[in-house]
Amino acid sequence: MGDPAGVGPEIILKTVAGMTAEERAATCIFGCAATLAAAQPAVGTHVALGRDVAMHDVPVEGGPLPFGKLDPRAGAAAFRCVAAAVEAALNGQIGCIVTAPLNKAALNAAGHHYDGHTGMLAALTNTPKAWMILASERLKVVHNSTHVSLKDAIDRASPEAVLATIRIGDSHLRRLGYDRPRIAVAGINPHCGEGGLFGTEDDAQIVPAVQAARAEGINVEGPIAADTLFHRAYNGAFDLVVAQYHDQGHIPVKLVAFDTAVNVTLGLPIDRTSVDHGTAFDIAGKGVANHENMLKAIAYARQLAARRKT
């Protein structure tokens, strides 16, 4: 359900209300039943929780809480929802987790010190590293690093790390049915350093990773200057772009697919997709939140669940 004070309850209700009976039968909500019930009048839905759709109730202290207000109790509830879903996924009870947005400030105020869902899921599954991919119809981007400073991101773009990111992206696209994914690796510096004029990181850190990946048989090119790469990928030249840091990958995807891009976590022993937007406290509780992104996240989740390794 995500943060109970955000738009998560609303977009979940709108999504479930539009499902067929068969789709509802394959769905379980991990969230606070009282919070969802409080949101129903705003969105005009009449979903019978626990009857029309399975419900794993995660009560919120003092809930339902006011919509649109940051509250540590909401952050604590968001964490418990994710933890319960992770346990179910690890036990094989569900095929994929789909997350509504949480609020990082509320999460940390509740004592759960993570940079967001990705880091939390890695910790809950004892996974050393997880990757974020933003996936839209015409542009897919996997990130070598996300919620770190730009200075740290450059340091983290080591040959070993970039190679691991290339590998995880290639594996994910093959799982989705791509026979030999075309992968492009974005450079770090303007014009990939312009032969050392604007920095040597691309030659020292990115080139060895690309060469190693090609030696493994991965269809990859790079480094390619980011100012042209995303345009080329959007127009069909590549199936996946490896971005070196958060904004390098997020800005182009959100520019071309703000309401439809799906956030997918790679490298975990379980599958997880998510909406690619925040809690939107400014409109929470008003019933106007767009649930299109949730529909896309669920569709992607069903695709992953259908291709799970047995």
Protein backbone atom coordinates (compact mmCIF):
# COMPACT_ATOMS: atom_id res chain seq x y z
CA MET A 1 0.00 0.00 0.00
CA GLY A 2 2.94 2.34 0.53
CA ASP A 3 2.56 5.35 2.80
CA PRO A 4 -1.03 5.35 4.13
CA ALA A 5 -1.09 9.17 4.09
CA GLY A 6 -0.21 9.30 0.40
CA VAL A 7 -2.04 8.42 -2.80
CA GLY A 8 -1.25 4.70 -2.53
CA PRO A 9 -4.63 3.70 -1.08
CA GLU A 10 -6.47 5.62 -3.81
CA ILE A 11 -4.58 4.22 -6.78
CA ILE A 12 -4.92 0.71 -5.36
CA LEU A 13 -8.67 1.05 -4.98
CA LYS A 14 -9.09 2.48 -8.47
CA THR A 15 -6.99 -0.31 -9.92
CA VAL A 16 -8.77 -3.13 -8.12
CA ALA A 17 -12.19 -1.65 -8.94
CA GLY A 18 -11.34 -1.92 -12.64
CA MET A 19 -10.08 -5.50 -12.49
CA THR A 20 -11.93 -8.50 -13.81
CA ALA A 21 -12.98 -11.19 -11.34
CA GLU A 22 -10.12 -13.36 -12.59
CA GLU A 23 -7.58 -10.59 -12.06
CA ARG A 24 -8.87 -9.90 -8.56
CA ALA A 25 -8.58 -13.59 -7.73
CA ALA A 26 -4.85 -13.36 -8.55
CA THR A 27 -4.32 -10.27 -6.38
CA CYS A 28 -3.69 -9.69 -2.68
CA ILE A 29 -3.44 -6.27 -1.03
CA PHE A 30 -0.89 -5.83 1.75
CA GLY A 31 -2.11 -2.75 3.57
CA CYS A 32 -4.34 -1.22 6.18
CA ALA A 33 -8.00 -2.12 5.68
CA ALA A 34 -9.18 0.87 7.74
CA THR A 35 -7.11 3.27 5.64
CA LEU A 36 -8.40 1.81 2.38
CA ALA A 37 -11.96 2.01 3.68
CA ALA A 38 -11.41 5.68 4.55
CA ALA A 39 -10.21 6.38 1.00
CA GLN A 40 -13.17 4.74 -0.76
CA PRO A 41 -15.57 7.73 -0.51
CA ALA A 42 -13.00 10.01 -2.16
CA VAL A 43 -12.47 7.72 -5.15
CA GLY A 44 -16.05 6.48 -5.37
CA THR A 45 -15.22 2.78 -5.22
CA HIS A 46 -17.07 0.02 -3.39
CA VAL A 47 -14.45 -2.73 -3.18
CA ALA A 48 -15.30 -5.30 -0.52
CA LEU A 49 -11.87 -5.85 0.99
CA GLY A 50 -11.29 -9.47 1.91
CA ARG A 51 -14.17 -10.60 -0.29
CA ASP A 52 -13.78 -9.00 -3.72
CA VAL A 53 -9.99 -9.13 -3.32
CA ALA A 54 -7.73 -10.87 -0.81
CA MET A 55 -6.51 -8.63 2.00
CA HIS A 56 -3.49 -8.96 4.28
CA ASP A 57 -4.39 -6.37 6.88
CA VAL A 58 -1.49 -4.34 8.28
CA PRO A 59 -2.99 -1.98 10.90
CA VAL A 60 -1.67 1.57 11.20
CA GLU A 61 -1.12 2.99 14.67
CA GLY A 62 -3.81 5.63 15.21
CA GLY A 63 -5.18 4.93 11.75
CA PRO A 64 -6.69 5.90 9.56
CA LEU A 65 -4.25 8.83 9.62
CA PRO A 66 -4.98 12.17 7.94
CA PHE A 67 -4.14 12.11 4.25
CA GLY A 68 -1.41 14.39 2.97
CA LYS A 69 0.59 14.75 6.19
CA LEU A 70 4.02 13.33 6.92
CA ASP A 71 3.81 11.03 9.93
CA PRO A 72 6.33 8.54 11.39
CA ARG A 73 3.44 6.15 12.04
CA ALA A 74 2.77 6.11 8.32
CA GLY A 75 6.43 5.36 7.62
CA ALA A 76 6.32 2.48 10.10
CA ALA A 77 3.21 1.08 8.44
CA ALA A 78 4.73 1.35 4.97
CA PHE A 79 7.71 -0.66 6.18
CA ARG A 80 5.50 -3.35 7.72
CA CYS A 81 3.52 -3.69 4.49
CA VAL A 82 6.69 -4.28 2.49
CA ALA A 83 8.12 -6.67 5.09
CA ALA A 84 4.93 -8.75 5.08
CA ALA A 85 4.89 -8.91 1.29
CA VAL A 86 8.57 -9.88 1.16
CA GLU A 87 7.95 -12.73 3.58
CA ALA A 88 5.07 -13.98 1.44
CA ALA A 89 7.19 -13.74 -1.71
CA LEU A 90 10.13 -15.58 -0.14
CA ASN A 91 7.72 -18.31 0.94
CA GLY A 92 6.40 -18.65 -2.60
CA GLN A 93 2.91 -17.42 -1.74
CA ILE A 94 2.99 -14.56 -4.25
CA GLY A 95 4.70 -14.25 -7.62
CA CYS A 96 5.66 -10.57 -7.56
CA ILE A 97 5.41 -7.58 -5.24
CA VAL A 98 3.94 -4.35 -6.63
CA THR A 99 4.57 -1.33 -4.45
CA ALA A 100 2.69 1.93 -4.12
CA PRO A 101 4.87 4.92 -3.16
CA LEU A 102 6.33 5.45 0.28
CA ASN A 103 7.73 8.63 1.77
CA LYS A 104 11.46 8.41 2.56
CA ALA A 105 11.28 11.08 5.27
CA ALA A 106 8.44 9.27 7.06
CA LEU A 107 10.23 5.96 6.66
CA ASN A 108 13.40 7.31 8.25
CA ALA A 109 11.46 9.15 10.96
CA ALA A 110 10.05 5.76 11.92
CA GLY A 111 13.58 4.44 12.41
CA HIS A 112 13.91 2.56 9.12
CA HIS A 113 16.98 4.11 7.56
CA TYR A 114 16.83 3.17 3.89
CA ASP A 115 17.15 5.22 0.72
CA GLY A 116 13.80 3.87 -0.46
CA HIS A 117 12.26 0.60 -1.58
CA THR A 118 15.35 -0.71 -3.38
CA GLY A 119 17.68 -0.57 -0.39
CA MET A 120 14.96 -1.83 1.95
CA LEU A 121 14.19 -4.83 -0.26
CA ALA A 122 17.88 -5.69 -0.51
CA ALA A 123 18.16 -5.63 3.30
CA LEU A 124 14.99 -7.65 3.84
CA THR A 125 16.18 -10.35 1.43
CA ASN A 126 19.84 -10.30 2.59
CA THR A 127 20.92 -9.28 -0.90
CA PRO A 128 24.28 -7.45 -1.15
CA LYS A 129 23.20 -5.21 -4.02
CA ALA A 130 20.00 -4.53 -5.92
CA TRP A 131 19.57 -2.54 -9.11
CA MET A 132 16.86 -0.20 -10.31
CA ILE A 133 15.56 -0.30 -13.86
CA LEU A 134 13.02 2.20 -15.17
CA ALA A 135 11.09 0.50 -17.93
CA SER A 136 8.81 2.13 -20.48
CA GLU A 137 7.64 1.01 -23.89
CA ARG A 138 10.38 2.79 -25.85
CA LEU A 139 13.08 3.45 -23.27
CA LYS A 140 14.51 1.17 -20.59
CA VAL A 141 17.30 2.31 -18.27
CA VAL A 142 19.18 0.35 -15.60
CA HIS A 143 21.17 2.38 -13.07
CA ASN A 144 24.66 1.62 -11.84
CA SER A 145 23.91 3.77 -8.76
CA THR A 146 20.85 5.68 -7.58
CA HIS A 147 20.40 7.49 -4.27
CA VAL A 148 23.96 8.66 -3.66
CA SER A 149 25.75 11.95 -4.25
CA LEU A 150 27.11 12.64 -7.70
CA LYS A 151 30.65 12.43 -6.31
CA ASP A 152 29.96 9.00 -4.82
CA ALA A 153 28.25 7.87 -8.02
CA ILE A 154 31.41 8.54 -10.03
CA ASP A 155 33.46 6.54 -7.53
CA ARG A 156 30.93 3.71 -7.71
CA ALA A 157 31.22 3.48 -11.49
CA SER A 158 34.12 1.05 -11.17
CA PRO A 159 34.82 -1.44 -13.96
CA GLU A 160 33.54 -4.25 -11.73
CA ALA A 161 30.33 -2.43 -10.81
CA VAL A 162 29.55 -1.35 -14.37
CA LEU A 163 30.17 -4.89 -15.62
CA ALA A 164 27.77 -6.26 -13.00
CA THR A 165 25.14 -3.74 -14.08
CA ILE A 166 25.54 -4.72 -17.73
CA ARG A 167 25.17 -8.38 -16.81
CA ILE A 168 22.04 -7.85 -14.69
CA GLY A 169 20.41 -5.78 -17.44
CA ASP A 170 21.21 -8.35 -20.10
CA SER A 171 19.82 -11.15 -17.93
CA HIS A 172 16.60 -9.25 -17.23
CA LEU A 173 15.87 -8.50 -20.87
CA ARG A 174 16.60 -12.10 -21.86
CA ARG A 175 14.08 -13.17 -19.25
CA LEU A 176 11.52 -10.89 -20.88
CA GLY A 177 12.09 -12.63 -24.21
CA TYR A 178 14.83 -10.57 -25.89
CA ASP A 179 17.09 -12.99 -27.75
CA ARG A 180 20.25 -10.81 -27.74
CA PRO A 181 19.50 -7.47 -26.08
CA ARG A 182 21.19 -4.41 -27.54
CA ILE A 183 22.74 -2.59 -24.58
CA ALA A 184 24.39 0.83 -24.56
CA VAL A 185 26.48 2.17 -21.68
CA ALA A 186 26.31 5.90 -21.00
CA GLY A 187 29.51 7.79 -20.36
CA ILE A 188 30.19 9.68 -17.17
CA ASN A 189 31.70 12.91 -18.49
CA PRO A 190 30.58 15.24 -21.30
CA HIS A 191 31.42 13.59 -24.62
CA CYS A 192 32.87 10.68 -22.62
CA GLY A 193 35.78 12.86 -21.61
CA GLU A 194 36.71 13.98 -25.15
CA GLY A 195 39.95 12.04 -25.14
CA GLY A 196 40.85 13.13 -21.63
CA LEU A 197 40.07 16.83 -22.00
CA PHE A 198 37.02 16.56 -19.70
CA GLY A 199 38.18 13.74 -17.45
CA THR A 200 39.63 10.26 -17.73
CA GLU A 201 36.95 8.28 -15.87
CA ASP A 202 35.29 6.96 -19.03
CA ASP A 203 38.52 5.50 -20.39
CA ALA A 204 39.66 4.18 -17.02
CA GLN A 205 36.36 2.90 -15.60
CA ILE A 206 33.76 2.35 -18.34
CA VAL A 207 35.83 1.04 -21.26
CA PRO A 208 37.22 -1.98 -19.35
CA ALA A 209 33.73 -2.97 -18.23
CA VAL A 210 32.33 -2.84 -21.76
CA GLN A 211 35.27 -4.79 -23.13
CA ALA A 212 34.83 -7.47 -20.46
CA ALA A 213 31.09 -7.74 -21.17
CA ARG A 214 31.70 -8.09 -24.90
CA ALA A 215 34.23 -10.83 -24.18
CA GLU A 216 31.40 -12.68 -22.39
CA GLY A 217 29.24 -12.46 -25.50
CA ILE A 218 26.98 -9.62 -24.34
CA ASN A 219 25.83 -7.32 -27.12
CA VAL A 220 26.94 -4.02 -25.62
CA GLU A 221 28.42 -0.73 -26.81
CA GLY A 222 29.95 2.16 -24.95
CA PRO A 223 30.74 4.42 -23.43
CA ILE A 224 28.43 6.63 -25.49
CA ALA A 225 27.89 10.31 -24.75
CA ALA A 226 24.69 10.65 -22.74
CA ASP A 227 23.55 13.79 -24.57
CA THR A 228 22.75 11.72 -27.68
CA LEU A 229 22.42 8.19 -26.30
CA PHE A 230 18.94 8.43 -24.81
CA HIS A 231 17.54 9.94 -28.00
CA ARG A 232 19.03 7.07 -30.00
CA ALA A 233 17.67 4.46 -27.60
CA TYR A 234 14.22 6.05 -27.58
CA ASN A 235 14.18 5.82 -31.38
CA GLY A 236 15.02 2.12 -31.39
CA ALA A 237 18.81 1.85 -31.64
CA PHE A 238 19.14 0.08 -28.27
CA ASP A 239 16.94 -2.04 -26.01
CA LEU A 240 18.54 -0.92 -22.76
CA VAL A 241 20.72 1.91 -21.51
CA VAL A 242 23.09 1.61 -18.55
CA ALA A 243 23.03 4.95 -16.70
CA GLN A 244 25.85 5.79 -14.33
CA TYR A 245 23.84 7.80 -11.79
CA HIS A 246 20.31 8.69 -10.70
CA ASP A 247 19.51 11.83 -12.66
CA GLN A 248 21.29 10.68 -15.81
CA GLY A 249 18.78 7.85 -16.11
CA HIS A 250 15.70 9.27 -14.41
CA ILE A 251 15.37 12.54 -16.30
CA PRO A 252 15.03 11.09 -19.83
CA VAL A 253 12.63 8.34 -18.74
CA LYS A 254 10.41 10.72 -16.80
CA LEU A 255 10.46 13.16 -19.71
CA VAL A 256 9.09 10.65 -22.21
CA ALA A 257 7.07 8.31 -19.95
CA PHE A 258 6.20 10.13 -16.74
CA ASP A 259 2.86 8.36 -16.20
CA THR A 260 3.74 4.97 -17.68
CA ALA A 261 7.30 4.04 -16.68
CA VAL A 262 7.64 1.17 -14.22
CA ASN A 263 10.29 0.93 -11.51
CA VAL A 264 11.65 -2.64 -11.35
CA THR A 265 14.13 -4.00 -8.82
CA LEU A 266 16.73 -6.44 -10.17
CA GLY A 267 19.13 -8.74 -8.37
CA LEU A 268 16.76 -9.93 -5.63
CA PRO A 269 15.61 -13.52 -5.02
CA ILE A 270 12.06 -12.19 -5.51
CA ASP A 271 10.41 -9.96 -8.10
CA ARG A 272 9.23 -6.42 -7.45
CA THR A 273 7.76 -3.66 -9.60
CA SER A 274 6.51 -0.25 -8.56
CA VAL A 275 4.89 2.93 -9.70
CA ASP A 276 7.43 5.56 -10.68
CA HIS A 277 6.01 8.47 -8.70
CA GLY A 278 5.88 9.72 -5.14
CA THR A 279 3.26 9.92 -2.41
CA ALA A 280 1.83 13.20 -3.78
CA PHE A 281 0.76 14.52 -0.37
CA ASP A 282 -0.62 17.64 -2.05
CA ILE A 283 -3.46 15.67 -3.67
CA ALA A 284 -3.73 12.68 -1.30
CA GLY A 285 -7.26 11.98 -0.11
CA LYS A 286 -8.89 14.03 -2.87
CA GLY A 287 -9.61 11.11 -5.20
CA VAL A 288 -7.86 12.69 -8.20
CA ALA A 289 -4.66 10.60 -8.28
CA ASN A 290 -4.00 8.95 -11.65
CA HIS A 291 -3.68 5.16 -11.33
CA GLU A 292 -2.32 4.53 -14.85
CA ASN A 293 1.19 3.97 -13.50
CA MET A 294 -0.12 1.33 -11.10
CA LEU A 295 -1.81 -0.46 -14.01
CA LYS A 296 1.52 -0.54 -15.87
CA ALA A 297 3.37 -1.80 -12.78
CA ILE A 298 0.88 -4.64 -12.32
CA ALA A 299 1.04 -5.58 -16.01
CA TYR A 300 4.84 -5.77 -15.78
CA ALA A 301 4.55 -7.82 -12.59
CA ARG A 302 2.26 -10.31 -14.29
CA GLN A 303 4.78 -10.62 -17.11
CA LEU A 304 7.55 -11.38 -14.63
CA ALA A 305 5.42 -13.83 -12.67
CA ALA A 306 4.60 -15.69 -15.87
CA ARG A 307 8.32 -16.03 -16.59
CA ARG A 308 9.48 -17.03 -13.13
CA LYS A 309 12.21 -19.62 -12.96
CA THR A 310 11.03 -22.84 -11.39
